[in-house]
Amino acid sequence: MSLLSRPRRLRKSPLVRELVAETRLSKDMFIYPYFITKGNGVIQPIDAMPGISRFSVDTLVRDVEQGLKVGINKVLLFGVGEDKSEDAGSAHADHTVVADAIRLLKKNFGDDLYVITDVCLCAYTTHGHCGVISHDYVQNDASVDILAKMALTHARAGADMVAPSDMMDGRVAGIRQLLDKNGFQDTPIMSYAVKFASAYYGPFREAADSAPGKGDRKSYQMDFRNGREAVREAALDESEGADILMVKPALAYLDVIRDVRMSTELPVACYNVSAEYTMVKKAAEAGLIDGQRIIMENMHAFTRAGADIIITYHAREILEKGWM
């Protein structure tokens, strides 16, 4: 055969494959999520998420210290087990477990650790929705006011970045304005700009004790059938002052990650969510798949789609076991 083009020439050996690889992962791309609960000396394994636990603030500090040794230097904090009320008043209290964790983490690790906080009301409401309810409907503007106060509380405690995940309209602008008014102009916002009403959140809702008491979240989280709307949502958050745009979930939404990447110059994050994590872990435990190979293939898929940042529960294992 007389062929001028033979793509296999650049696949012949590991060295040449590495030379021409189009997608490259870095440990600096990873953000590792933590669930924080009340108490002391608490490490509670989460049944629905193998290898993931809830930590009290004191044990969190010890675990973060171990993570730093392998390169986990960016964390995303979720509060669990806080006082719940109809108006989510505890969400912006000065001494939530998240606020206390921020203070202690920054005291112990300073600028060696980048602390990001989830800003949402679902873990602080008796009904489990991401905003306050009136007349059986989640009220947008009233919820934005509380979310902004929550973000401000986290910034005052020392958070390096806040990440609103509620999907209320205008919440990025509300948070940006309140942060700026109080002198936190340099605190960036990583917006859950494109967050779908997804079945892939199941294990997380057990981990964070945040399942809605009744109904669902389809009136504020996005319809998973909509792709063009995702680009619109991302553009709105960018116009309101978001610094990073996130797509959640990730694995079933690679096309959306790509569309958002092509529509903005901002960094794009994706969240490799709880069920995406658990399905891989359970299948690997059962011997049905090669866990390492699947995990790393997924990480490269996120990057290939256009993600600059990957939030994943796999990050610790990847770095501890030297998979990259």
Protein backbone atom coordinates (compact mmCIF):
# COMPACT_ATOMS: atom_id res chain seq x y z
CA MET A 1 0.00 0.00 0.00
CA SER A 2 1.18 3.51 -0.82
CA LEU A 3 -0.12 5.80 1.93
CA LEU A 4 1.13 9.30 2.64
CA SER A 5 -0.83 9.58 5.86
CA ARG A 6 -0.45 6.88 8.48
CA PRO A 7 -1.77 8.08 11.87
CA ARG A 8 -0.39 4.93 13.50
CA ARG A 9 3.14 6.32 13.14
CA LEU A 10 2.45 8.53 16.15
CA ARG A 11 1.03 5.67 18.23
CA LYS A 12 3.97 3.30 17.88
CA SER A 13 5.52 3.68 21.33
CA PRO A 14 4.65 5.14 24.75
CA LEU A 15 7.18 7.94 24.28
CA VAL A 16 5.71 9.20 21.02
CA ARG A 17 2.16 8.82 22.35
CA GLU A 18 3.10 11.06 25.28
CA LEU A 19 4.78 13.50 22.92
CA VAL A 20 1.66 14.09 20.84
CA ALA A 21 -1.04 13.72 23.53
CA GLU A 22 -3.66 16.42 23.01
CA THR A 23 -5.11 16.25 26.52
CA ARG A 24 -2.96 16.49 29.64
CA LEU A 25 -4.00 16.30 33.26
CA SER A 26 -2.35 18.15 36.11
CA LYS A 27 -2.84 17.74 39.85
CA ASP A 28 -3.41 21.49 39.95
CA MET A 29 -6.72 20.98 38.10
CA PHE A 30 -8.30 19.02 40.97
CA ILE A 31 -10.61 20.26 43.72
CA TYR A 32 -11.46 17.75 46.46
CA PRO A 33 -14.86 17.96 48.20
CA TYR A 34 -15.32 17.51 51.97
CA PHE A 35 -18.44 17.02 54.10
CA ILE A 36 -18.19 18.65 57.53
CA THR A 37 -20.42 17.84 60.48
CA LYS A 38 -20.79 18.84 64.10
CA GLY A 39 -18.92 17.22 66.96
CA ASN A 40 -15.37 16.28 67.83
CA GLY A 41 -13.32 13.32 66.72
CA VAL A 42 -15.91 12.43 64.08
CA ILE A 43 -15.06 10.41 60.99
CA GLN A 44 -18.29 8.93 59.59
CA PRO A 45 -17.93 6.74 56.50
CA ILE A 46 -20.70 7.43 53.98
CA ASP A 47 -22.28 4.14 52.92
CA ALA A 48 -23.38 5.47 49.53
CA MET A 49 -19.90 6.78 48.68
CA PRO A 50 -17.13 4.22 49.30
CA GLY A 51 -13.98 5.83 50.65
CA ILE A 52 -15.66 9.15 51.49
CA SER A 53 -16.50 10.28 55.05
CA ARG A 54 -18.01 13.11 57.01
CA PHE A 55 -15.52 14.90 59.26
CA SER A 56 -15.83 17.12 62.28
CA VAL A 57 -13.69 20.23 62.12
CA ASP A 58 -10.83 18.76 64.16
CA THR A 59 -10.55 15.55 62.13
CA LEU A 60 -10.95 17.55 58.92
CA VAL A 61 -7.77 19.47 59.71
CA ARG A 62 -5.84 16.22 60.16
CA ASP A 63 -7.19 14.74 56.94
CA VAL A 64 -6.45 17.90 54.96
CA GLU A 65 -2.89 17.81 56.31
CA GLN A 66 -2.49 14.29 54.90
CA GLY A 67 -4.00 15.38 51.59
CA LEU A 68 -1.59 18.27 51.26
CA LYS A 69 1.28 15.81 51.34
CA VAL A 70 0.12 14.30 48.05
CA GLY A 71 -0.89 17.58 46.43
CA ILE A 72 -4.54 18.08 47.41
CA ASN A 73 -4.33 21.84 48.00
CA LYS A 74 -7.80 22.97 46.88
CA VAL A 75 -10.91 21.86 48.80
CA LEU A 76 -14.65 22.46 48.51
CA LEU A 77 -16.55 22.44 51.81
CA PHE A 78 -20.13 21.30 52.44
CA GLY A 79 -21.86 21.65 55.82
CA VAL A 80 -23.88 18.76 57.25
CA GLY A 81 -26.14 18.49 60.27
CA GLU A 82 -26.70 22.19 60.90
CA ASP A 83 -29.80 23.59 62.56
CA LYS A 84 -32.63 23.60 60.04
CA SER A 85 -35.46 26.14 59.75
CA GLU A 86 -37.98 27.34 57.21
CA ASP A 87 -35.94 30.48 56.53
CA ALA A 88 -32.47 28.84 56.57
CA GLY A 89 -31.34 31.35 59.19
CA SER A 90 -28.43 29.19 60.34
CA ALA A 91 -26.91 29.26 56.84
CA HIS A 92 -25.32 32.66 57.50
CA ALA A 93 -24.62 32.27 61.21
CA ASP A 94 -21.09 33.15 62.32
CA HIS A 95 -20.34 29.71 63.73
CA THR A 96 -21.62 27.12 61.31
CA VAL A 97 -19.35 24.10 60.89
CA VAL A 98 -18.29 25.52 57.53
CA ALA A 99 -17.35 28.93 58.95
CA ASP A 100 -15.49 27.31 61.84
CA ALA A 101 -13.72 24.95 59.43
CA ILE A 102 -12.61 27.83 57.22
CA ARG A 103 -11.09 29.68 60.17
CA LEU A 104 -9.23 26.64 61.45
CA LEU A 105 -8.01 25.53 58.03
CA LYS A 106 -6.68 28.98 57.20
CA LYS A 107 -5.09 29.27 60.65
CA ASN A 108 -3.28 25.96 60.18
CA PHE A 109 -2.39 26.06 56.50
CA GLY A 110 -2.63 29.68 55.37
CA ASP A 111 -2.01 30.17 51.67
CA ASP A 112 -0.85 26.56 51.24
CA LEU A 113 -4.53 25.57 51.09
CA TYR A 114 -7.20 27.14 48.88
CA VAL A 115 -10.60 26.93 50.57
CA ILE A 116 -13.79 27.08 48.50
CA THR A 117 -17.25 26.89 50.06
CA ASP A 118 -20.53 25.65 48.66
CA VAL A 119 -23.23 28.31 49.04
CA CYS A 120 -26.69 26.76 49.09
CA LEU A 121 -29.61 26.51 51.52
CA CYS A 122 -30.68 22.88 51.07
CA ALA A 123 -28.77 21.62 54.13
CA TYR A 124 -30.18 24.46 56.28
CA THR A 125 -33.91 24.26 55.48
CA THR A 126 -36.44 21.95 57.07
CA HIS A 127 -37.88 21.17 53.63
CA GLY A 128 -34.51 20.48 51.97
CA HIS A 129 -34.94 22.84 49.05
CA CYS A 130 -32.25 25.25 47.87
CA GLY A 131 -34.26 28.36 48.69
CA VAL A 132 -37.02 29.58 50.99
CA ILE A 133 -40.58 28.46 50.27
CA SER A 134 -43.77 30.50 50.26
CA HIS A 135 -47.10 29.34 48.83
CA ASP A 136 -45.50 25.96 48.00
CA TYR A 137 -42.97 27.58 45.67
CA VAL A 138 -39.28 28.34 46.09
CA GLN A 139 -39.04 32.12 46.17
CA ASN A 140 -36.20 33.42 44.04
CA ASP A 141 -35.37 36.92 45.27
CA ALA A 142 -35.84 36.20 48.97
CA SER A 143 -33.53 33.21 48.58
CA VAL A 144 -30.88 35.32 46.83
CA ASP A 145 -30.78 37.67 49.83
CA ILE A 146 -30.02 34.78 52.19
CA LEU A 147 -27.48 33.21 49.84
CA ALA A 148 -25.61 36.50 49.61
CA LYS A 149 -25.47 36.72 53.41
CA MET A 150 -24.17 33.14 53.54
CA ALA A 151 -21.43 33.93 51.04
CA LEU A 152 -20.46 37.01 53.03
CA THR A 153 -20.22 34.96 56.24
CA HIS A 154 -17.85 32.54 54.49
CA ALA A 155 -15.74 35.37 53.10
CA ARG A 156 -15.47 36.98 56.53
CA ALA A 157 -14.34 33.63 57.96
CA GLY A 158 -11.53 33.56 55.39
CA ALA A 159 -12.85 31.58 52.43
CA ASP A 160 -10.69 32.03 49.33
CA MET A 161 -13.64 31.50 46.96
CA VAL A 162 -17.42 31.01 47.21
CA ALA A 163 -19.42 28.69 44.98
CA PRO A 164 -23.20 29.21 44.81
CA SER A 165 -24.97 26.00 43.78
CA ASP A 166 -28.64 26.90 44.27
CA MET A 167 -29.55 27.93 40.69
CA MET A 168 -31.62 30.95 41.73
CA ASP A 169 -31.79 33.64 39.05
CA GLY A 170 -29.53 36.61 39.81
CA ARG A 171 -27.72 35.06 42.75
CA VAL A 172 -24.24 35.70 41.31
CA ALA A 173 -25.05 39.41 41.03
CA GLY A 174 -26.53 39.45 44.54
CA ILE A 175 -23.47 37.78 46.03
CA ARG A 176 -21.04 39.93 44.05
CA GLN A 177 -22.71 43.15 45.13
CA LEU A 178 -22.79 42.21 48.82
CA LEU A 179 -19.20 40.98 48.83
CA ASP A 180 -18.01 44.16 47.11
CA LYS A 181 -20.00 46.38 49.46
CA ASN A 182 -18.26 44.77 52.42
CA GLY A 183 -14.72 44.97 51.09
CA PHE A 184 -14.40 41.49 49.55
CA GLN A 185 -13.90 42.62 45.97
CA ASP A 186 -11.07 40.11 45.59
CA THR A 187 -13.11 37.06 46.65
CA PRO A 188 -13.91 35.17 43.44
CA ILE A 189 -17.17 33.38 42.64
CA MET A 190 -17.19 29.93 41.06
CA SER A 191 -20.76 29.68 39.89
CA TYR A 192 -22.61 26.41 39.47
CA ALA A 193 -23.74 28.10 36.27
CA VAL A 194 -25.14 25.00 34.59
CA LYS A 195 -26.60 22.63 37.16
CA PHE A 196 -29.09 20.06 35.93
CA ALA A 197 -31.93 18.45 37.87
CA SER A 198 -30.17 15.11 37.78
CA ALA A 199 -30.56 11.60 39.18
CA TYR A 200 -26.77 11.52 39.53
CA TYR A 201 -26.95 13.39 42.87
CA GLY A 202 -28.47 10.52 44.87
CA PRO A 203 -25.48 9.54 47.04
CA PHE A 204 -24.65 13.21 47.71
CA ARG A 205 -28.08 13.81 49.22
CA GLU A 206 -27.40 11.05 51.73
CA ALA A 207 -23.92 12.44 52.41
CA ALA A 208 -25.14 16.01 52.94
CA ASP A 209 -28.56 15.23 54.43
CA SER A 210 -30.05 17.55 51.82
CA ALA A 211 -32.80 15.63 50.01
CA PRO A 212 -35.99 17.66 49.50
CA GLY A 213 -38.76 16.67 51.88
CA LYS A 214 -41.33 16.78 49.10
CA GLY A 215 -41.41 17.59 45.43
CA ASP A 216 -38.27 18.00 43.36
CA ARG A 217 -35.89 20.73 42.22
CA LYS A 218 -36.99 20.97 38.63
CA SER A 219 -38.40 24.49 39.02
CA TYR A 220 -34.89 25.87 39.60
CA GLN A 221 -32.33 23.29 38.46
CA MET A 222 -32.10 22.82 34.70
CA ASP A 223 -33.97 20.34 32.52
CA PHE A 224 -31.42 17.77 31.40
CA ARG A 225 -32.87 17.84 27.88
CA ASN A 226 -31.68 21.41 27.32
CA GLY A 227 -28.28 22.25 25.89
CA ARG A 228 -28.75 25.71 24.42
CA GLU A 229 -30.21 26.90 27.72
CA ALA A 230 -26.96 25.85 29.38
CA VAL A 231 -25.01 28.33 27.29
CA ARG A 232 -27.54 31.04 28.15
CA GLU A 233 -27.28 30.31 31.88
CA ALA A 234 -23.49 30.44 31.72
CA ALA A 235 -23.58 33.76 29.85
CA LEU A 236 -25.93 35.26 32.43
CA ASP A 237 -23.64 34.28 35.30
CA GLU A 238 -20.63 35.66 33.47
CA SER A 239 -22.46 38.96 32.96
CA GLU A 240 -23.26 39.08 36.69
CA GLY A 241 -19.63 38.75 37.73
CA ALA A 242 -18.84 35.04 37.97
CA ASP A 243 -15.12 34.29 37.76
CA ILE A 244 -15.41 30.57 36.98
CA LEU A 245 -18.33 28.74 35.33
CA MET A 246 -19.18 25.20 36.41
CA VAL A 247 -21.12 22.41 34.70
CA LYS A 248 -22.71 19.78 36.96
CA PRO A 249 -22.90 16.77 36.52
CA ALA A 250 -19.95 16.08 34.26
CA LEU A 251 -19.84 12.60 32.75
CA ALA A 252 -23.27 12.64 31.09
CA TYR A 253 -22.82 16.27 30.04
CA LEU A 254 -19.54 16.35 28.13
CA ASP A 255 -21.32 18.04 25.22
CA VAL A 256 -22.45 20.83 27.56
CA ILE A 257 -18.93 21.29 28.94
CA ARG A 258 -17.75 21.68 25.35
CA ASP A 259 -20.51 24.15 24.46
CA VAL A 260 -19.80 26.30 27.52
CA ARG A 261 -16.05 26.15 26.83
CA MET A 262 -16.64 27.44 23.30
CA SER A 263 -18.89 30.26 24.53
CA THR A 264 -16.63 31.90 27.13
CA GLU A 265 -13.07 32.95 27.89
CA LEU A 266 -13.57 32.28 31.62
CA PRO A 267 -12.20 29.11 33.25
CA VAL A 268 -14.67 26.22 33.04
CA ALA A 269 -15.07 23.72 35.88
CA CYS A 270 -16.96 20.46 35.96
CA TYR A 271 -18.23 18.47 38.94
CA ASN A 272 -17.73 14.71 38.73
CA VAL A 273 -20.70 14.06 41.01
CA SER A 274 -21.51 11.45 43.63
CA ALA A 275 -23.29 8.81 41.54
CA GLU A 276 -20.67 9.09 38.80
CA TYR A 277 -18.13 8.37 41.52
CA THR A 278 -20.05 5.60 43.28
CA MET A 279 -20.92 3.67 40.13
CA VAL A 280 -17.25 3.40 39.25
CA LYS A 281 -16.20 2.48 42.78
CA LYS A 282 -18.89 -0.19 43.19
CA ALA A 283 -18.18 -1.72 39.79
CA ALA A 284 -14.46 -1.80 40.57
CA GLU A 285 -15.10 -3.41 43.98
CA ALA A 286 -17.17 -6.09 42.24
CA GLY A 287 -14.33 -6.79 39.83
CA LEU A 288 -16.42 -5.77 36.84
CA ILE A 289 -14.07 -3.03 35.64
CA ASP A 290 -10.50 -1.83 36.03
CA GLY A 291 -11.16 1.08 38.39
CA GLN A 292 -7.91 2.92 37.74
CA ARG A 293 -8.28 2.82 33.97
CA ILE A 294 -11.93 3.93 34.04
CA ILE A 295 -11.25 6.77 36.49
CA MET A 296 -8.35 8.12 34.48
CA GLU A 297 -10.27 7.78 31.21
CA ASN A 298 -13.07 9.83 32.75
CA MET A 299 -10.66 12.51 33.96
CA HIS A 300 -9.19 12.86 30.49
CA ALA A 301 -12.69 12.96 28.98
CA PHE A 302 -13.56 15.97 31.17
CA THR A 303 -10.39 17.74 30.09
CA ARG A 304 -10.85 16.82 26.44
CA ALA A 305 -14.36 18.28 26.55
CA GLY A 306 -12.90 21.58 27.72
CA ALA A 307 -12.84 21.57 31.52
CA ASP A 308 -9.98 23.52 33.09
CA ILE A 309 -10.94 22.45 36.63
CA ILE A 310 -12.24 19.09 37.86
CA ILE A 311 -14.09 18.70 41.15
CA THR A 312 -13.91 15.00 41.97
CA TYR A 313 -14.04 12.59 44.89
CA HIS A 314 -11.43 10.53 43.02
CA ALA A 315 -8.73 13.19 43.41
CA ARG A 316 -7.25 11.86 46.64
CA GLU A 317 -6.95 8.30 45.34
CA ILE A 318 -5.49 9.43 42.02
CA LEU A 319 -2.69 11.36 43.73
CA GLU A 320 -2.07 8.97 46.62
CA LYS A 321 -1.64 6.05 44.23
CA GLY A 322 0.46 7.98 41.74
CA TRP A 323 -1.82 7.44 38.78
CA MET A 324 -0.55 10.56 37.01
